[in-house]
Amino acid sequence: MDWLHSIFHKSPEMALFLSLAAGYFIGQINFGKFQLGGVGGSLLAAVVISQAGVTIDNGVKSVMFAVFIYAVGYDSGPGFFNSLNRKTLREIAMAVFLAVSALITVVVCAKLFHLNKGLAAGLAGGALTQSAIIGTAGDAIARLGLPADEVKSLQSDVAIAYAVTYVFGSLGAIIVCVNILPKFMGQGLREASIEAERELSSGAPTRGPGQLAALPELVGRAYRIDFSAGKSVQAVESLHGEGLTIERIKRGGQQLDPKPDFVLQPDDVVLVVGRRDAVVAFGAKGNEVGDAEDIGVVMQTREGVFTRKGMNHTTIAAARQMIDRDMRHGVYIQSIARAGQPLPVLPETELQHGDVITFYGSPKDTKRAVETAGYELPYSNKTDFIYMGVGLVVGLLIGLVVVNVGGVPLTLGSGGGCLLSGLVFGWMRGKHPMYGVMPSAASQLLKDFGLAAFVAVVGLNSGLQAVVTVKQSGMTIFLLGVFVTLFPLLLTMLFGRYVLRYNNAAILAGALSGSRSANPAFGGVLDKAESAVPTVPFAITYAIANVALTLLGPLVVGLV
């Protein structure tokens, strides 16, 4: 043990990365459908490694938590602010109800069993599987003005109670959302999803990760002309509205330019691109050509930000009428996103300035389309560190603000400040997508590495006290964790069914798992539902829960 202590003393960062490697290895081990996860595994591994005697500078912990919590807010910002409307009051009410009931449950348990602030906060973090509570609670404890030894002891209690209760926190959410809820509703998740899909079929289809339509909306086909001979290109295209475009013509081995007044002749081979129903109708009387590589065209998708003057809040149908046909020719709207959220591509869909429209067509046609709509949104896989750095500085400044209410100092702390800043900066990015690029992979790295490294530092710095605390109150904390996991979930399930009037098991399961910010449970729901239907309510409640449950850390510290 002395040689290990000597190595870690010379290179403490080695202990940090060893904790991450061992923790993620432990976290991927399957116990049925349950996995501890990388964060929980890193904490346990760090506690074990800490027995060799190692200390990591607390500045590392502060930096890791700041980037983690900012990235959480940044990703949740568009969804969080977009969910604040009348149409989603049920989801907002459910997420808030679970957070409030969980807070009351934790505080009551802490009072009855005489838990200190650290154990109570750790109980909330583990039983509710909201790892960010470790950071917000630890930050709140550090601001209590207590002696340094007592602060360190309370912060270690947070980590220890979290580790004791986290496992059942994840497992219990899966049991309730995947097993108990469908039986309670008397409706299987798969059957409920089919019913919901039938009701929502008029809107845009929703698909899970990796799922593609077997019948894509936009297609290309080559046909040998015999039924449209003698007609011009414009006349043929007009017969199908604006559903297709003739992109290439081959006659006698030569490729010809498909100008509007060009007249088609028998045996011409034409490449038709457009919406599937129009292309199928065009080819119903023709002969499709399988080998037509020599007239193939490279098609392109190009994203444009909609800013055209005088057309804000205009429907797609009205926009088509207002723009000249030659400007629209050969261009199709593949998708529309508003503040990161997809919109259905329907004639009555209303366009707003700032919407990101994905156009499909030839390179020259899509370039013309984005210039007509507004401006092109260039693809980039580089993070805008100027935007990110300013956001973090603003968040840390907010965390320094202290407001005295009735003689009691209240502050969001660095965690709450960075979370609030991330929400606002993420929402602003959704409104103005030219700024603040943070690719999803980069954001995920910040969240995963930031939180795992933060938790590992906590475990390394406090692990020596773990054995004593677990021996003194481990079983009590574990049983309290079971109660804190199940009681708010079951109570919220009843609230959703009888007060909020959720009648579909799949939608309720998605909303409930999101209200608990329970990713493993949501994964189980999707697996059983075999559908993306639960994703819609989950996205809304998850955005609310990410904020509400994270704020339980300082609230528990203040109330216990």
Protein backbone atom coordinates (compact mmCIF):
# COMPACT_ATOMS: atom_id res chain seq x y z
CA MET A 1 0.00 0.00 0.00
CA ASP A 2 2.94 2.34 0.74
CA TRP A 3 4.30 2.00 -2.79
CA LEU A 4 0.86 2.84 -4.20
CA HIS A 5 0.62 5.84 -1.91
CA SER A 6 4.06 6.96 -3.10
CA ILE A 7 3.00 6.75 -6.78
CA PHE A 8 -0.24 8.64 -6.21
CA HIS A 9 1.58 11.26 -4.15
CA LYS A 10 3.93 11.93 -7.09
CA SER A 11 1.15 11.79 -9.69
CA PRO A 12 -2.33 12.29 -8.14
CA GLU A 13 -3.84 12.69 -11.62
CA MET A 14 -3.04 9.02 -12.15
CA ALA A 15 -5.49 8.14 -9.39
CA LEU A 16 -8.15 10.27 -11.10
CA PHE A 17 -7.85 8.55 -14.48
CA LEU A 18 -7.56 5.13 -12.85
CA SER A 19 -10.83 5.85 -11.03
CA LEU A 20 -12.50 6.77 -14.32
CA ALA A 21 -11.21 3.69 -16.15
CA ALA A 22 -12.11 1.27 -13.34
CA GLY A 23 -15.40 3.04 -12.69
CA TYR A 24 -16.62 2.86 -16.27
CA PHE A 25 -15.56 -0.78 -16.45
CA ILE A 26 -17.62 -1.53 -13.34
CA GLY A 27 -20.45 0.64 -14.64
CA GLN A 28 -20.93 -1.37 -17.84
CA ILE A 29 -21.44 -4.69 -16.05
CA ASN A 30 -25.02 -5.87 -16.53
CA PHE A 31 -27.13 -7.03 -13.61
CA GLY A 32 -30.14 -8.19 -15.61
CA LYS A 33 -31.28 -4.98 -17.34
CA PHE A 34 -29.59 -2.79 -14.77
CA GLN A 35 -26.19 -1.13 -15.04
CA LEU A 36 -24.54 0.96 -12.36
CA GLY A 37 -23.31 3.42 -14.98
CA GLY A 38 -20.01 5.20 -15.36
CA VAL A 39 -20.69 7.93 -12.80
CA GLY A 40 -21.73 5.59 -10.02
CA GLY A 41 -18.91 3.20 -10.91
CA SER A 42 -16.34 6.01 -10.86
CA LEU A 43 -17.46 7.07 -7.41
CA LEU A 44 -17.18 3.55 -6.01
CA ALA A 45 -13.80 3.01 -7.68
CA ALA A 46 -12.51 6.35 -6.34
CA VAL A 47 -13.61 5.47 -2.80
CA VAL A 48 -11.66 2.19 -3.01
CA ILE A 49 -8.56 3.82 -4.54
CA SER A 50 -8.64 6.57 -1.91
CA GLN A 51 -7.78 4.00 0.75
CA ALA A 52 -4.20 4.18 -0.55
CA GLY A 53 -4.12 7.83 0.50
CA VAL A 54 -4.45 10.41 -2.28
CA THR A 55 -5.68 14.00 -2.49
CA ILE A 56 -6.74 15.93 -5.61
CA ASP A 57 -6.75 19.73 -5.64
CA ASN A 58 -10.29 21.04 -5.17
CA GLY A 59 -9.78 23.42 -8.09
CA VAL A 60 -10.03 20.42 -10.42
CA LYS A 61 -13.35 19.54 -8.86
CA SER A 62 -14.69 23.08 -9.32
CA VAL A 63 -13.68 23.27 -12.99
CA MET A 64 -15.13 19.84 -13.81
CA PHE A 65 -18.44 20.62 -12.16
CA ALA A 66 -18.72 24.04 -13.85
CA VAL A 67 -18.30 22.64 -17.38
CA PHE A 68 -20.62 19.71 -16.61
CA ILE A 69 -23.50 21.75 -15.24
CA TYR A 70 -23.14 24.39 -17.97
CA ALA A 71 -23.35 21.71 -20.68
CA VAL A 72 -26.46 20.24 -19.02
CA GLY A 73 -28.13 23.64 -19.08
CA TYR A 74 -26.92 24.38 -22.61
CA ASP A 75 -28.47 21.20 -24.01
CA SER A 76 -31.68 21.64 -22.00
CA GLY A 77 -32.11 25.36 -22.73
CA PRO A 78 -34.18 25.20 -25.95
CA GLY A 79 -36.35 22.38 -24.65
CA PHE A 80 -36.74 24.02 -21.24
CA PHE A 81 -37.98 27.38 -22.49
CA ASN A 82 -40.00 25.84 -25.33
CA SER A 83 -41.82 23.63 -22.81
CA LEU A 84 -43.08 26.64 -20.88
CA ASN A 85 -46.46 27.03 -22.61
CA ARG A 86 -50.09 26.09 -22.10
CA LYS A 87 -49.91 22.98 -24.26
CA THR A 88 -47.43 21.32 -21.93
CA LEU A 89 -48.89 22.29 -18.58
CA ARG A 90 -49.47 18.62 -17.73
CA GLU A 91 -45.81 17.75 -18.22
CA ILE A 92 -44.64 20.81 -16.31
CA ALA A 93 -47.03 20.00 -13.45
CA MET A 94 -45.81 16.39 -13.31
CA ALA A 95 -42.13 17.31 -13.19
CA VAL A 96 -42.69 19.97 -10.54
CA PHE A 97 -44.91 17.64 -8.48
CA LEU A 98 -42.26 14.92 -8.41
CA ALA A 99 -39.51 17.38 -7.43
CA VAL A 100 -41.61 18.88 -4.62
CA SER A 101 -42.78 15.48 -3.31
CA ALA A 102 -39.19 14.20 -3.42
CA LEU A 103 -37.94 17.24 -1.51
CA ILE A 104 -40.59 16.80 1.19
CA THR A 105 -39.88 13.06 1.43
CA VAL A 106 -36.13 13.59 1.87
CA VAL A 107 -36.54 16.35 4.46
CA VAL A 108 -39.06 14.32 6.50
CA CYS A 109 -36.81 11.23 6.42
CA ALA A 110 -33.81 13.33 7.47
CA LYS A 111 -35.74 14.81 10.41
CA LEU A 112 -37.12 11.48 11.58
CA PHE A 113 -33.80 9.62 11.38
CA HIS A 114 -31.60 12.54 12.46
CA LEU A 115 -29.51 12.69 9.27
CA ASN A 116 -27.02 15.51 8.86
CA LYS A 117 -27.04 17.84 5.87
CA GLY A 118 -24.50 15.77 3.95
CA LEU A 119 -26.26 12.42 4.36
CA ALA A 120 -29.63 14.00 3.51
CA ALA A 121 -28.30 15.58 0.32
CA GLY A 122 -26.54 12.36 -0.69
CA LEU A 123 -29.76 10.46 -0.05
CA ALA A 124 -31.55 12.81 -2.46
CA GLY A 125 -28.81 12.53 -5.09
CA GLY A 126 -28.59 8.75 -5.07
CA ALA A 127 -32.22 7.79 -4.53
CA LEU A 128 -33.30 10.23 -7.25
CA THR A 129 -30.25 9.36 -9.44
CA GLN A 130 -29.59 13.05 -9.93
CA SER A 131 -25.81 13.09 -9.77
CA ALA A 132 -25.63 16.87 -10.09
CA ILE A 133 -27.06 17.13 -6.54
CA ILE A 134 -23.63 16.03 -5.28
CA GLY A 135 -22.17 19.19 -6.74
CA THR A 136 -24.91 21.67 -5.84
CA ALA A 137 -25.18 20.29 -2.31
CA GLY A 138 -21.40 20.26 -1.82
CA ASP A 139 -21.23 23.83 -3.05
CA ALA A 140 -24.00 24.86 -0.64
CA ILE A 141 -22.26 23.14 2.28
CA ALA A 142 -19.02 24.97 1.49
CA ARG A 143 -20.89 28.28 1.80
CA LEU A 144 -22.30 27.61 5.27
CA GLY A 145 -19.28 29.16 6.98
CA LEU A 146 -18.48 25.99 8.92
CA PRO A 147 -14.96 24.91 9.94
CA ALA A 148 -12.98 23.30 7.12
CA ASP A 149 -12.94 19.85 8.77
CA GLU A 150 -16.70 19.85 9.22
CA VAL A 151 -17.25 20.96 5.63
CA LYS A 152 -15.02 18.14 4.38
CA SER A 153 -16.85 15.63 6.58
CA LEU A 154 -20.29 16.74 5.37
CA GLN A 155 -19.20 16.71 1.73
CA SER A 156 -17.85 13.18 2.13
CA ASP A 157 -21.19 12.15 3.66
CA VAL A 158 -22.90 13.44 0.52
CA ALA A 159 -20.77 11.16 -1.66
CA ILE A 160 -21.15 8.16 0.63
CA ALA A 161 -24.95 8.38 0.94
CA TYR A 162 -25.12 8.84 -2.84
CA ALA A 163 -23.09 5.68 -3.42
CA VAL A 164 -25.20 3.64 -0.97
CA THR A 165 -28.54 4.67 -2.52
CA TYR A 166 -27.72 5.10 -6.22
CA VAL A 167 -28.02 1.47 -7.27
CA PHE A 168 -31.61 1.02 -6.15
CA GLY A 169 -32.35 4.58 -7.29
CA SER A 170 -31.82 3.45 -10.89
CA LEU A 171 -33.32 0.00 -10.45
CA GLY A 172 -36.42 1.28 -8.65
CA ALA A 173 -37.21 3.76 -11.43
CA ILE A 174 -37.02 0.94 -13.97
CA ILE A 175 -39.32 -1.27 -11.89
CA VAL A 176 -41.94 1.46 -11.51
CA CYS A 177 -41.92 2.81 -15.09
CA VAL A 178 -41.51 -0.49 -16.96
CA ASN A 179 -43.28 -3.00 -14.74
CA ILE A 180 -45.64 -1.40 -12.21
CA LEU A 181 -47.06 1.42 -14.34
CA PRO A 182 -48.32 -0.75 -17.27
CA LYS A 183 -50.01 -3.15 -14.83
CA PHE A 184 -51.54 -0.22 -12.96
CA MET A 185 -52.86 1.25 -16.23
CA GLY A 186 -54.01 -2.15 -17.52
CA GLN A 187 -52.29 -1.43 -20.82
CA GLY A 188 -49.01 -2.73 -22.23
CA LEU A 189 -46.46 -0.17 -23.39
CA ARG A 190 -46.38 -1.56 -26.93
CA GLU A 191 -50.17 -1.53 -27.28
CA ALA A 192 -50.30 1.98 -25.82
CA SER A 193 -47.69 3.20 -28.30
CA ILE A 194 -49.62 1.79 -31.26
CA GLU A 195 -52.75 3.57 -30.03
CA ALA A 196 -50.88 6.86 -29.60
CA GLU A 197 -49.29 6.57 -33.04
CA ARG A 198 -52.72 6.08 -34.55
CA GLU A 199 -53.97 9.26 -32.89
CA LEU A 200 -50.89 11.26 -33.89
CA SER A 201 -50.63 9.98 -37.46
CA SER A 202 -51.65 13.34 -38.87
CA GLY A 203 -48.44 14.90 -37.57
CA ALA A 204 -44.82 14.28 -38.45
CA PRO A 205 -43.63 10.73 -37.78
CA THR A 206 -41.35 10.19 -34.79
CA ARG A 207 -38.54 7.69 -34.93
CA GLY A 208 -36.08 6.40 -32.40
CA PRO A 209 -32.28 6.58 -32.69
CA GLY A 210 -30.99 4.71 -35.73
CA GLN A 211 -34.45 4.28 -37.23
CA LEU A 212 -35.02 5.20 -40.89
CA ALA A 213 -38.13 5.13 -43.03
CA ALA A 214 -38.29 2.13 -45.35
CA LEU A 215 -40.16 4.41 -47.77
CA PRO A 216 -38.26 7.73 -47.77
CA GLU A 217 -40.22 10.88 -48.53
CA LEU A 218 -37.74 12.16 -51.12
CA VAL A 219 -36.60 9.74 -53.86
CA GLY A 220 -35.02 9.64 -57.32
CA ARG A 221 -35.94 7.32 -60.22
CA ALA A 222 -34.96 6.97 -63.90
CA TYR A 223 -37.64 6.26 -66.53
CA ARG A 224 -37.69 5.68 -70.29
CA ILE A 225 -40.24 8.03 -71.84
CA ASP A 226 -43.13 6.74 -73.93
CA PHE A 227 -46.20 8.26 -72.29
CA SER A 228 -45.05 11.90 -72.01
CA ALA A 229 -43.49 12.23 -75.47
CA GLY A 230 -44.28 15.55 -77.14
CA LYS A 231 -44.66 17.41 -73.82
CA SER A 232 -42.25 20.01 -72.48
CA VAL A 233 -40.34 19.53 -69.22
CA GLN A 234 -42.39 22.30 -67.60
CA ALA A 235 -45.66 20.73 -68.72
CA VAL A 236 -44.70 17.32 -67.31
CA GLU A 237 -43.62 18.82 -64.00
CA SER A 238 -46.79 20.93 -63.78
CA LEU A 239 -48.96 17.80 -64.07
CA HIS A 240 -47.62 16.76 -60.64
CA GLY A 241 -47.88 20.12 -58.94
CA GLU A 242 -44.51 20.79 -57.34
CA GLY A 243 -43.96 17.20 -56.28
CA LEU A 244 -41.16 16.32 -58.71
CA THR A 245 -38.41 17.75 -60.90
CA ILE A 246 -36.74 16.41 -64.04
CA GLU A 247 -33.04 16.75 -63.23
CA ARG A 248 -31.40 14.99 -66.19
CA ILE A 249 -32.31 13.85 -69.73
CA LYS A 250 -30.41 11.32 -71.81
CA ARG A 251 -31.09 11.06 -75.55
CA GLY A 252 -29.08 8.89 -77.89
CA GLY A 253 -26.20 8.55 -75.44
CA GLN A 254 -25.98 12.30 -74.83
CA GLN A 255 -27.01 14.23 -71.71
CA LEU A 256 -29.21 17.24 -72.40
CA ASP A 257 -30.12 20.23 -70.27
CA PRO A 258 -33.72 19.91 -68.95
CA LYS A 259 -34.80 23.48 -69.73
CA PRO A 260 -38.50 24.28 -69.08
CA ASP A 261 -39.36 24.43 -72.80
CA PHE A 262 -37.40 21.30 -73.73
CA VAL A 263 -39.71 18.79 -75.49
CA LEU A 264 -39.41 15.12 -74.54
CA GLN A 265 -39.24 12.44 -77.23
CA PRO A 266 -39.85 8.69 -77.18
CA ASP A 267 -37.03 6.63 -75.66
CA ASP A 268 -35.62 9.62 -73.75
CA VAL A 269 -34.34 8.53 -70.34
CA VAL A 270 -35.16 11.06 -67.62
CA LEU A 271 -33.98 11.27 -64.03
CA VAL A 272 -36.89 12.34 -61.85
CA VAL A 273 -36.37 13.56 -58.25
CA GLY A 274 -39.10 14.55 -55.82
CA ARG A 275 -41.63 13.41 -53.26
CA ARG A 276 -42.34 9.71 -53.33
CA ASP A 277 -46.07 9.89 -54.13
CA ALA A 278 -45.48 12.19 -57.12
CA VAL A 279 -42.59 10.10 -58.46
CA VAL A 280 -44.64 6.90 -58.13
CA ALA A 281 -47.54 8.54 -59.99
CA PHE A 282 -45.17 9.71 -62.74
CA GLY A 283 -43.72 6.24 -63.21
CA ALA A 284 -47.07 4.40 -63.09
CA LYS A 285 -47.29 4.48 -66.89
CA GLY A 286 -43.60 4.39 -67.70
CA ASN A 287 -40.71 1.96 -67.80
CA GLU A 288 -38.25 2.33 -64.97
CA VAL A 289 -34.59 2.03 -65.92
CA GLY A 290 -32.45 0.17 -63.40
CA ASP A 291 -29.01 0.90 -64.86
CA ALA A 292 -28.82 4.67 -65.26
CA GLU A 293 -25.58 5.56 -63.49
CA ASP A 294 -24.41 7.78 -66.35
CA ILE A 295 -27.22 10.27 -65.70
CA GLY A 296 -26.97 10.19 -61.95
CA VAL A 297 -26.93 13.48 -60.04
CA VAL A 298 -25.33 14.23 -56.70
CA MET A 299 -28.06 15.61 -54.46
CA GLN A 300 -27.35 17.69 -51.40
CA THR A 301 -28.96 18.74 -48.16
CA ARG A 302 -28.21 22.28 -47.06
CA GLU A 303 -29.36 24.04 -43.88
CA GLY A 304 -30.61 27.58 -44.05
CA VAL A 305 -31.75 29.96 -41.32
CA PHE A 306 -35.13 31.48 -42.19
CA THR A 307 -34.90 35.30 -41.93
CA ARG A 308 -36.69 36.52 -45.09
CA LYS A 309 -38.26 39.91 -44.47
CA GLY A 310 -42.04 40.17 -44.54
CA MET A 311 -42.55 36.41 -44.13
CA ASN A 312 -42.29 35.88 -40.37
CA HIS A 313 -45.17 33.70 -39.10
CA THR A 314 -46.01 32.61 -42.66
CA THR A 315 -47.22 29.08 -43.40
CA ILE A 316 -45.33 26.85 -45.83
CA ALA A 317 -48.28 26.96 -48.23
CA ALA A 318 -48.38 30.77 -48.16
CA ALA A 319 -44.60 30.99 -48.59
CA ARG A 320 -44.81 28.90 -51.76
CA GLN A 321 -47.36 31.29 -53.18
CA MET A 322 -45.23 34.34 -52.34
CA ILE A 323 -41.98 33.04 -53.90
CA ASP A 324 -41.55 32.83 -57.66
CA ARG A 325 -41.78 29.30 -59.11
CA ASP A 326 -38.35 29.56 -60.75
CA MET A 327 -36.85 30.24 -57.30
CA ARG A 328 -38.60 27.19 -55.84
CA HIS A 329 -37.84 24.86 -58.74
CA GLY A 330 -35.94 21.71 -57.83
CA VAL A 331 -35.92 22.41 -54.09
CA TYR A 332 -37.72 20.39 -51.41
CA ILE A 333 -38.03 20.96 -47.68
CA GLN A 334 -36.66 17.89 -45.96
CA SER A 335 -37.05 19.04 -42.34
CA ILE A 336 -37.60 22.09 -40.15
CA ALA A 337 -36.23 22.68 -36.66
CA ARG A 338 -37.06 25.44 -34.20
CA ALA A 339 -34.68 25.95 -31.27
CA GLY A 340 -33.40 22.44 -31.83
CA GLN A 341 -36.86 20.84 -31.89
CA PRO A 342 -38.23 19.25 -35.12
CA LEU A 343 -41.44 20.58 -36.71
CA PRO A 344 -43.78 18.69 -39.07
CA VAL A 345 -43.35 19.61 -42.73
CA LEU A 346 -47.01 20.31 -43.51
CA PRO A 347 -48.66 23.04 -45.62
CA GLU A 348 -50.14 24.64 -42.50
CA THR A 349 -46.85 24.64 -40.55
CA GLU A 350 -46.02 28.23 -39.64
CA LEU A 351 -42.45 29.41 -40.26
CA GLN A 352 -40.78 31.81 -37.84
CA HIS A 353 -37.57 33.79 -38.12
CA GLY A 354 -34.72 31.71 -36.73
CA ASP A 355 -36.13 28.36 -37.90
CA VAL A 356 -33.53 26.08 -39.47
CA ILE A 357 -34.81 24.62 -42.75
CA THR A 358 -33.05 21.66 -44.35
CA PHE A 359 -33.40 21.89 -48.14
CA TYR A 360 -32.94 18.93 -50.49
CA GLY A 361 -31.95 19.25 -54.15
CA SER A 362 -29.00 19.76 -56.44
CA PRO A 363 -26.12 21.89 -55.07
CA LYS A 364 -27.03 24.94 -57.16
CA ASP A 365 -30.74 24.68 -56.29
CA THR A 366 -30.17 24.33 -52.54
CA LYS A 367 -27.70 27.23 -52.59
CA ARG A 368 -30.33 29.41 -54.25
CA ALA A 369 -32.93 28.26 -51.73
CA VAL A 370 -30.94 29.15 -48.60
CA GLU A 371 -30.08 32.57 -50.05
CA THR A 372 -33.77 33.16 -50.74
CA ALA A 373 -34.86 31.98 -47.28
CA GLY A 374 -32.18 33.86 -45.37
CA TYR A 375 -28.63 32.67 -44.94
CA GLU A 376 -26.81 29.36 -44.91
CA LEU A 377 -25.96 27.68 -41.62
CA PRO A 378 -22.47 26.29 -42.24
CA TYR A 379 -21.66 22.87 -40.88
CA SER A 380 -19.04 22.91 -38.16
CA ASN A 381 -17.73 20.32 -35.72
CA LYS A 382 -15.69 22.89 -33.79
CA THR A 383 -16.94 24.21 -30.46
CA ASP A 384 -17.33 27.98 -30.19
CA PHE A 385 -15.12 28.49 -27.13
CA ILE A 386 -15.74 32.24 -27.14
CA TYR A 387 -19.46 31.66 -26.59
CA MET A 388 -18.84 28.86 -24.11
CA GLY A 389 -16.23 30.82 -22.15
CA VAL A 390 -18.48 33.88 -21.85
CA GLY A 391 -21.36 31.65 -20.73
CA LEU A 392 -19.27 30.06 -17.99
CA VAL A 393 -17.98 33.44 -16.79
CA VAL A 394 -21.54 34.81 -16.62
CA GLY A 395 -22.65 31.72 -14.71
CA LEU A 396 -19.81 31.95 -12.19
CA LEU A 397 -20.54 35.66 -11.70
CA ILE A 398 -24.20 34.86 -11.02
CA GLY A 399 -23.02 32.28 -8.48
CA LEU A 400 -21.19 35.00 -6.54
CA VAL A 401 -24.38 37.00 -5.99
CA VAL A 402 -25.75 36.68 -2.45
CA VAL A 403 -29.20 38.04 -1.52
CA ASN A 404 -30.21 38.39 2.12
CA VAL A 405 -33.85 37.51 2.74
CA GLY A 406 -34.95 37.97 6.33
CA GLY A 407 -31.33 37.81 7.45
CA VAL A 408 -30.78 34.52 5.62
CA PRO A 409 -28.17 34.67 2.81
CA LEU A 410 -29.45 33.02 -0.37
CA THR A 411 -27.30 32.28 -3.41
CA LEU A 412 -27.41 30.02 -6.44
CA GLY A 413 -23.73 29.21 -6.05
CA SER A 414 -21.45 28.33 -8.94
CA GLY A 415 -23.55 25.27 -9.80
CA GLY A 416 -26.88 27.08 -9.96
CA GLY A 417 -25.30 30.05 -11.73
CA CYS A 418 -23.69 27.94 -14.46
CA LEU A 419 -26.91 25.95 -14.87
CA LEU A 420 -28.96 29.14 -15.31
CA SER A 421 -26.38 30.61 -17.69
CA GLY A 422 -26.28 27.37 -19.69
CA LEU A 423 -30.07 27.40 -20.04
CA VAL A 424 -30.11 30.99 -21.31
CA PHE A 425 -27.10 30.61 -23.62
CA GLY A 426 -28.48 27.33 -25.00
CA TRP A 427 -31.83 28.98 -25.66
CA MET A 428 -30.11 31.93 -27.38
CA ARG A 429 -28.16 29.49 -29.54
CA GLY A 430 -31.46 27.93 -30.61
CA LYS A 431 -32.79 31.35 -31.59
CA HIS A 432 -29.59 32.46 -33.33
CA PRO A 433 -27.92 29.27 -34.62
CA MET A 434 -24.99 31.09 -36.27
CA TYR A 435 -23.40 31.52 -32.85
CA GLY A 436 -22.39 29.22 -30.02
CA VAL A 437 -21.72 26.00 -31.95
CA MET A 438 -21.30 23.04 -29.63
CA PRO A 439 -21.55 19.70 -31.47
CA SER A 440 -23.55 17.08 -29.63
CA ALA A 441 -20.46 14.88 -29.27
CA ALA A 442 -18.52 17.74 -27.63
CA SER A 443 -21.43 18.51 -25.31
CA GLN A 444 -21.72 14.85 -24.35
CA LEU A 445 -18.00 14.71 -23.57
CA LEU A 446 -18.26 17.76 -21.31
CA LYS A 447 -21.18 16.22 -19.45
CA ASP A 448 -19.74 12.73 -19.13
CA PHE A 449 -16.14 13.65 -18.34
CA GLY A 450 -17.05 16.69 -16.25
CA LEU A 451 -19.43 14.84 -13.96
CA ALA A 452 -17.41 11.61 -13.76
CA ALA A 453 -14.19 13.49 -12.98
CA PHE A 454 -15.97 15.68 -10.42
CA VAL A 455 -17.47 12.65 -8.67
CA ALA A 456 -14.13 10.81 -8.79
CA VAL A 457 -12.37 13.76 -7.11
CA VAL A 458 -15.06 13.79 -4.42
CA GLY A 459 -14.56 10.05 -3.86
CA LEU A 460 -10.74 10.30 -3.79
CA ASN A 461 -10.77 13.16 -1.30
CA SER A 462 -13.38 11.65 1.03
CA GLY A 463 -13.05 7.89 0.62
CA LEU A 464 -11.04 7.34 3.79
CA GLN A 465 -14.14 8.19 5.82
CA ALA A 466 -16.40 5.92 3.80
CA VAL A 467 -15.93 2.70 5.78
CA VAL A 468 -16.73 4.33 9.10
CA THR A 469 -19.88 6.06 7.83
CA VAL A 470 -21.22 2.97 6.05
CA LYS A 471 -20.73 0.87 9.21
CA GLN A 472 -22.54 3.45 11.31
CA SER A 473 -25.56 4.18 9.10
CA GLY A 474 -25.20 2.25 5.84
CA MET A 475 -28.24 -0.03 6.16
CA THR A 476 -30.42 2.79 7.41
CA ILE A 477 -29.38 4.99 4.50
CA PHE A 478 -29.99 2.16 2.02
CA LEU A 479 -33.52 1.48 3.27
CA LEU A 480 -34.30 5.19 3.32
CA GLY A 481 -33.02 5.31 -0.26
CA VAL A 482 -35.50 2.60 -1.27
CA PHE A 483 -38.32 4.65 0.22
CA VAL A 484 -37.18 7.96 -1.33
CA THR A 485 -36.88 6.22 -4.71
CA LEU A 486 -40.30 4.57 -4.73
CA PHE A 487 -42.62 6.88 -2.79
CA PRO A 488 -42.33 10.07 -4.95
CA LEU A 489 -42.48 7.97 -8.14
CA LEU A 490 -45.62 6.10 -7.11
CA LEU A 491 -47.23 9.27 -5.80
CA THR A 492 -46.47 11.10 -9.06
CA MET A 493 -47.83 8.16 -11.07
CA LEU A 494 -51.15 8.45 -9.21
CA PHE A 495 -51.10 12.23 -9.64
CA GLY A 496 -50.53 11.83 -13.39
CA ARG A 497 -53.28 9.25 -13.81
CA TYR A 498 -56.09 10.74 -11.70
CA VAL A 499 -55.32 14.47 -11.55
CA LEU A 500 -53.55 15.17 -14.85
CA ARG A 501 -55.71 12.57 -16.67
CA TYR A 502 -53.03 10.63 -18.55
CA ASN A 503 -54.91 7.79 -20.26
CA ASN A 504 -52.08 6.28 -22.30
CA ALA A 505 -49.52 4.09 -20.52
CA ALA A 506 -46.68 4.81 -22.97
CA ILE A 507 -47.09 8.57 -22.74
CA LEU A 508 -47.40 8.46 -18.95
CA ALA A 509 -44.33 6.22 -18.69
CA GLY A 510 -42.32 8.66 -20.82
CA ALA A 511 -43.48 11.64 -18.76
CA LEU A 512 -42.80 9.85 -15.45
CA SER A 513 -39.29 8.68 -16.37
CA GLY A 514 -38.49 12.18 -17.60
CA SER A 515 -39.81 13.73 -14.39
CA ARG A 516 -37.29 11.62 -12.50
CA SER A 517 -34.56 12.34 -15.08
CA ALA A 518 -34.19 8.56 -15.15
CA ASN A 519 -32.37 7.65 -18.36
CA PRO A 520 -32.12 3.89 -17.58
CA ALA A 521 -35.86 3.75 -16.92
CA PHE A 522 -36.58 5.64 -20.15
CA GLY A 523 -34.39 3.18 -22.03
CA GLY A 524 -36.46 0.35 -20.58
CA VAL A 525 -39.68 2.11 -21.58
CA LEU A 526 -38.48 2.53 -25.18
CA ASP A 527 -37.42 -1.11 -25.28
CA LYS A 528 -40.86 -2.30 -24.20
CA ALA A 529 -42.77 0.25 -26.29
CA GLU A 530 -40.77 -0.43 -29.48
CA SER A 531 -41.72 3.11 -30.46
CA ALA A 532 -40.58 6.71 -30.09
CA VAL A 533 -43.97 7.79 -28.72
CA PRO A 534 -42.74 8.10 -25.09
CA THR A 535 -39.99 10.46 -26.29
CA VAL A 536 -42.33 13.43 -26.70
CA PRO A 537 -43.46 13.77 -23.05
CA PHE A 538 -40.05 12.60 -21.81
CA ALA A 539 -38.24 15.47 -23.57
CA ILE A 540 -40.44 18.05 -21.86
CA THR A 541 -40.41 16.62 -18.32
CA TYR A 542 -36.71 15.76 -18.59
CA ALA A 543 -35.84 19.38 -19.41
CA ILE A 544 -37.82 20.58 -16.36
CA ALA A 545 -36.49 17.82 -14.09
CA ASN A 546 -32.86 18.50 -15.00
CA VAL A 547 -33.31 21.94 -13.47
CA ALA A 548 -35.74 21.19 -10.63
CA LEU A 549 -33.98 18.09 -9.26
CA THR A 550 -30.54 19.68 -9.50
CA LEU A 551 -31.76 22.54 -7.31
CA LEU A 552 -32.79 20.07 -4.59
CA GLY A 553 -29.16 19.97 -3.42
CA PRO A 554 -29.01 23.45 -1.84
CA LEU A 555 -32.68 23.21 -0.78
CA VAL A 556 -32.05 20.03 1.22
CA VAL A 557 -28.93 21.55 2.76
CA GLY A 558 -30.90 24.64 3.75
CA LEU A 559 -33.95 22.82 5.14
CA VAL A 560 -32.32 19.94 7.09
